[in-house]
Amino acid sequence: MNHLFIINPVAGQGKPLKLIPEIKKIFSSRNDTFKIEITERPGHATDIAKEYTSQKKYRVYSIGGDGTLNEVLNGMVNSGSSLAVIPAGSGNDFSRNLNLNIASKRYSYDILNRTINGKEEPVDIVKINNRYFINISSVGLDAEVANTTNKLKRTGLLRGSFAYLVGIFATLLKYNSHILRVTIDGQTFEKESLLLAIANGKFYGGGVQPAPDASINDGLLDVCFVKKMSVFKIVRLLPLYYKGKHGGLEEVTFFKGKKIEVCNNHEMALNIDGEITMVKNAVYEIIPKGINLVIPSQS
């Protein structure tokens, strides 16, 4: 088997680089071939993954955060190679779907070993416009919060869930709602929206659960639509939203579908696995069993 490790050196305050000696140690007693590549710029992980997987099949390891994982995925879709996740960033939300403990350095080594010895299972991915993602995308307040949170994390002063909570309150001070036209498998509605989350996985934003019933292998997208509400109600929503307990609120509606179209008359912030871009329209399509994901062994 061919193994390719793509490492983001700036993720998790340099944590990914500390795994290089362990990788070399593991493969010193194996007959498999391995390559280690270190990214040098945004988008580089996509280029590296595409270069290698266009030549032969690899087990490609994303070592970094959710942004690194998204880049790696976009470089290897339809290549026949398999994707492995070594959580070493600040949020590591997708890895929560795999029940990976990311709390300590020792556990990072354990996850590395278990993933190298793991087995592959097909899971769903999502195509959005001209790119792909594996976890969650959102528009509205959520995307604006993600944008603010990313800026806070870059300062190095705030991390994880706390950065996300600070980002929420900073965004609320300046946020304006959007009138969204949403089409789910041909059925359309138009409403003023606080936020809209399109979920393949369960977690984002440091452990927030917008669609607690989402699954990466059910062939469906989970949609959480939250209507415009007062600041007072938003404050009530937030702790419930974090825990995935917000379904009982009258402003919250859940849907499931295979193709979701979201339109706005103005450009809006779009969050794709934690990265922000500006768009007017977004078309989401589930790709069942679109990638072979490495599931870490139990020991």
Foldseek 3Di string as FASTA:
>chain_A
DEAEEEAECPFQNRLLVVCVVLVVVVCVPPPYHYYYHYDDDPLRLLVVLQVVLQVDAYAYEQEHALSSQQSNCQNCFPSPHFYEYQYRHQQRWVCVLLVQDDPDSVSSSVQVVQLVVFDWDFWKWKDKDHTIAQWKKKWALQLQLLVQLVVVVVVVPDTAQVSSVVSNVVSVVPGDWFFKWKAFPRDIDTATFRMKMKGQHQADRRQFGQDNVHHRAPLKIKMKTFHDDDPVVVVVQVVCRRVVNNVVDPRIDMDIHFKMKMAGPAWTWMAGSSDTDTDGIMIMGMDHSRHIYTNGDPD
